[in-house]
C-alpha cells in the first residue's frame, strides 16, 4: 500500500510540475497518511502483541472494527483518505473534464442521429 500510494504522489508531482496549482500533491500526501493509518496500526498490533483497539474480543481477523477507535480510524482514516485520493487524481488528470466533453460529444452525435 505504501508503494502504491507513493507512486501516485510521484505521478501527481510530475504531472503538476511547472503548474501553479500544487494542491493535488498536498492532498495526495495527506491521503497517503490517512490511508496508511489502519494497516500500520494492524501491523504494529500484530507484531508487538499490543492491546487490540480495533476489535473488542471475538474474532480479531475480521476486517470490520467493532470499537469506537477502530471505526474512527476506518472512517476518518481509510475512507476519507480514499475519497481525497480519488479527488486529487481526478484533479491531476483532469478526468472530470475529459468525461464531460466525451459525454457531450456522445449526446451531440446521438441528437444528430435522430
Protein backbone atom coordinates (compact mmCIF):
# COMPACT_ATOMS: atom_id res chain seq x y z
CA UNK A 1 0.00 0.00 0.00
CA UNK A 2 2.88 2.35 0.80
CA UNK A 3 4.48 1.68 -2.58
CA UNK A 4 1.21 2.25 -4.43
CA UNK A 5 0.41 5.50 -2.61
CA UNK A 6 3.91 6.95 -3.02
CA UNK A 7 3.80 6.10 -6.73
CA UNK A 8 0.50 8.00 -7.04
CA UNK A 9 2.07 11.00 -5.26
CA UNK A 10 5.07 10.81 -7.58
CA UNK A 11 2.79 10.66 -10.63
CA UNK A 12 0.93 13.75 -9.43
CA UNK A 13 4.17 15.58 -8.75
CA UNK A 14 5.43 15.00 -12.29
CA UNK A 15 2.06 15.86 -13.86
CA UNK A 16 1.81 19.13 -11.88
CA UNK A 17 5.46 20.09 -12.40
CA UNK A 18 5.61 23.65 -13.67
CA UNK A 19 1.97 24.37 -12.88
CA UNK A 20 0.87 26.86 -10.26
CA UNK A 21 -1.69 24.52 -8.65
CA UNK A 22 0.17 22.20 -6.27
CA UNK A 23 -2.91 21.47 -4.12
CA UNK A 24 -3.50 17.93 -5.52
CA UNK A 25 0.02 16.92 -4.48
CA UNK A 26 -0.56 18.04 -0.89
CA UNK A 27 -3.97 16.36 -0.84
CA UNK A 28 -2.39 13.11 -2.05
CA UNK A 29 0.26 13.30 0.67
CA UNK A 30 -2.49 13.74 3.27
CA UNK A 31 -4.48 10.89 1.67
CA UNK A 32 -1.39 8.65 1.86
CA UNK A 33 -1.02 9.28 5.58
CA UNK A 34 -4.74 8.73 6.22
CA UNK A 35 -4.92 5.52 4.19
CA UNK A 36 -1.84 4.04 5.84
CA UNK A 37 -3.04 4.59 9.44
CA UNK A 38 -5.14 1.42 9.60
CA UNK A 39 -2.63 -1.02 8.01
CA UNK A 40 0.17 0.40 10.12
CA UNK A 41 -1.85 0.03 13.31
CA UNK A 42 -2.72 -3.55 12.44
CA UNK A 43 0.94 -4.31 11.68
CA UNK A 44 2.13 -2.83 14.98
CA UNK A 45 -0.62 -4.59 16.97
CA UNK A 46 0.18 -7.93 15.34
CA UNK A 47 3.95 -7.59 15.52
CA UNK A 48 4.34 -6.34 19.06
CA UNK A 49 1.35 -8.01 20.71
CA UNK A 50 -0.20 -4.73 21.82
CA UNK A 51 -3.77 -4.37 23.02
CA UNK A 52 -6.04 -4.51 20.02
CA UNK A 53 -8.07 -1.31 19.93
CA UNK A 54 -9.82 -2.25 16.67
CA UNK A 55 -11.65 -5.31 17.93
CA UNK A 56 -13.30 -5.90 21.28
CA UNK A 57 -12.69 -9.60 21.90
CA UNK A 58 -14.13 -12.10 19.46
CA UNK A 59 -12.64 -12.59 16.02
CA UNK A 60 -9.58 -10.34 15.63
CA UNK A 61 -9.01 -11.34 11.99
CA UNK A 62 -12.16 -9.52 10.90
CA UNK A 63 -11.89 -6.58 8.51
CA UNK A 64 -14.68 -4.63 10.20
CA UNK A 65 -13.78 -2.99 13.52
CA UNK A 66 -16.19 -3.15 16.45
CA UNK A 67 -14.79 -0.43 18.74
CA UNK A 68 -15.18 3.35 18.59
CA UNK A 69 -11.47 3.92 17.94
CA UNK A 70 -11.50 1.27 15.23
CA UNK A 71 -14.47 2.87 13.49
CA UNK A 72 -12.92 6.35 13.72
CA UNK A 73 -9.73 5.08 12.11
CA UNK A 74 -11.73 3.19 9.48
CA UNK A 75 -13.96 6.16 8.56
CA UNK A 76 -11.68 9.17 9.06
CA UNK A 77 -8.54 7.36 8.01
CA UNK A 78 -9.21 4.81 5.32
CA UNK A 79 -12.47 6.05 3.78
CA UNK A 80 -11.66 9.76 3.90
CA UNK A 81 -8.18 9.00 2.59
CA UNK A 82 -9.53 7.16 -0.44
CA UNK A 83 -12.06 9.92 -1.15
CA UNK A 84 -9.27 12.50 -1.07
CA UNK A 85 -7.09 10.28 -3.25
CA UNK A 86 -9.78 9.93 -5.93
CA UNK A 87 -10.49 13.67 -5.87
CA UNK A 88 -6.79 14.54 -6.25
CA UNK A 89 -6.22 12.03 -9.05
CA UNK A 90 -9.24 13.42 -10.92
CA UNK A 91 -7.80 16.92 -10.42
CA UNK A 92 -4.32 15.97 -11.67
CA UNK A 93 -5.51 14.00 -14.71
CA UNK A 94 -8.40 16.40 -15.47
CA UNK A 95 -10.53 13.27 -15.83
CA UNK A 96 -13.73 15.08 -14.93
CA UNK A 97 -13.23 17.47 -17.88
CA UNK A 98 -12.44 14.60 -20.23
CA UNK A 99 -15.53 12.66 -19.15
CA UNK A 100 -17.74 15.75 -19.50
CA UNK A 101 -16.50 16.54 -23.02
CA UNK A 102 -16.87 12.90 -24.09
CA UNK A 103 -20.42 12.83 -22.67
CA UNK A 104 -21.31 15.99 -24.59
CA UNK A 105 -19.86 14.58 -27.81
CA UNK A 106 -21.88 11.39 -27.41
CA UNK A 107 -25.06 13.36 -26.71
CA UNK A 108 -24.47 15.61 -29.75
CA UNK A 109 -23.87 12.60 -32.01
CA UNK A 110 -26.98 10.91 -30.65
CA UNK A 111 -29.05 14.06 -31.28
CA UNK A 112 -27.89 14.24 -34.92
CA UNK A 113 -28.66 10.56 -35.50
CA UNK A 114 -32.33 11.01 -34.58
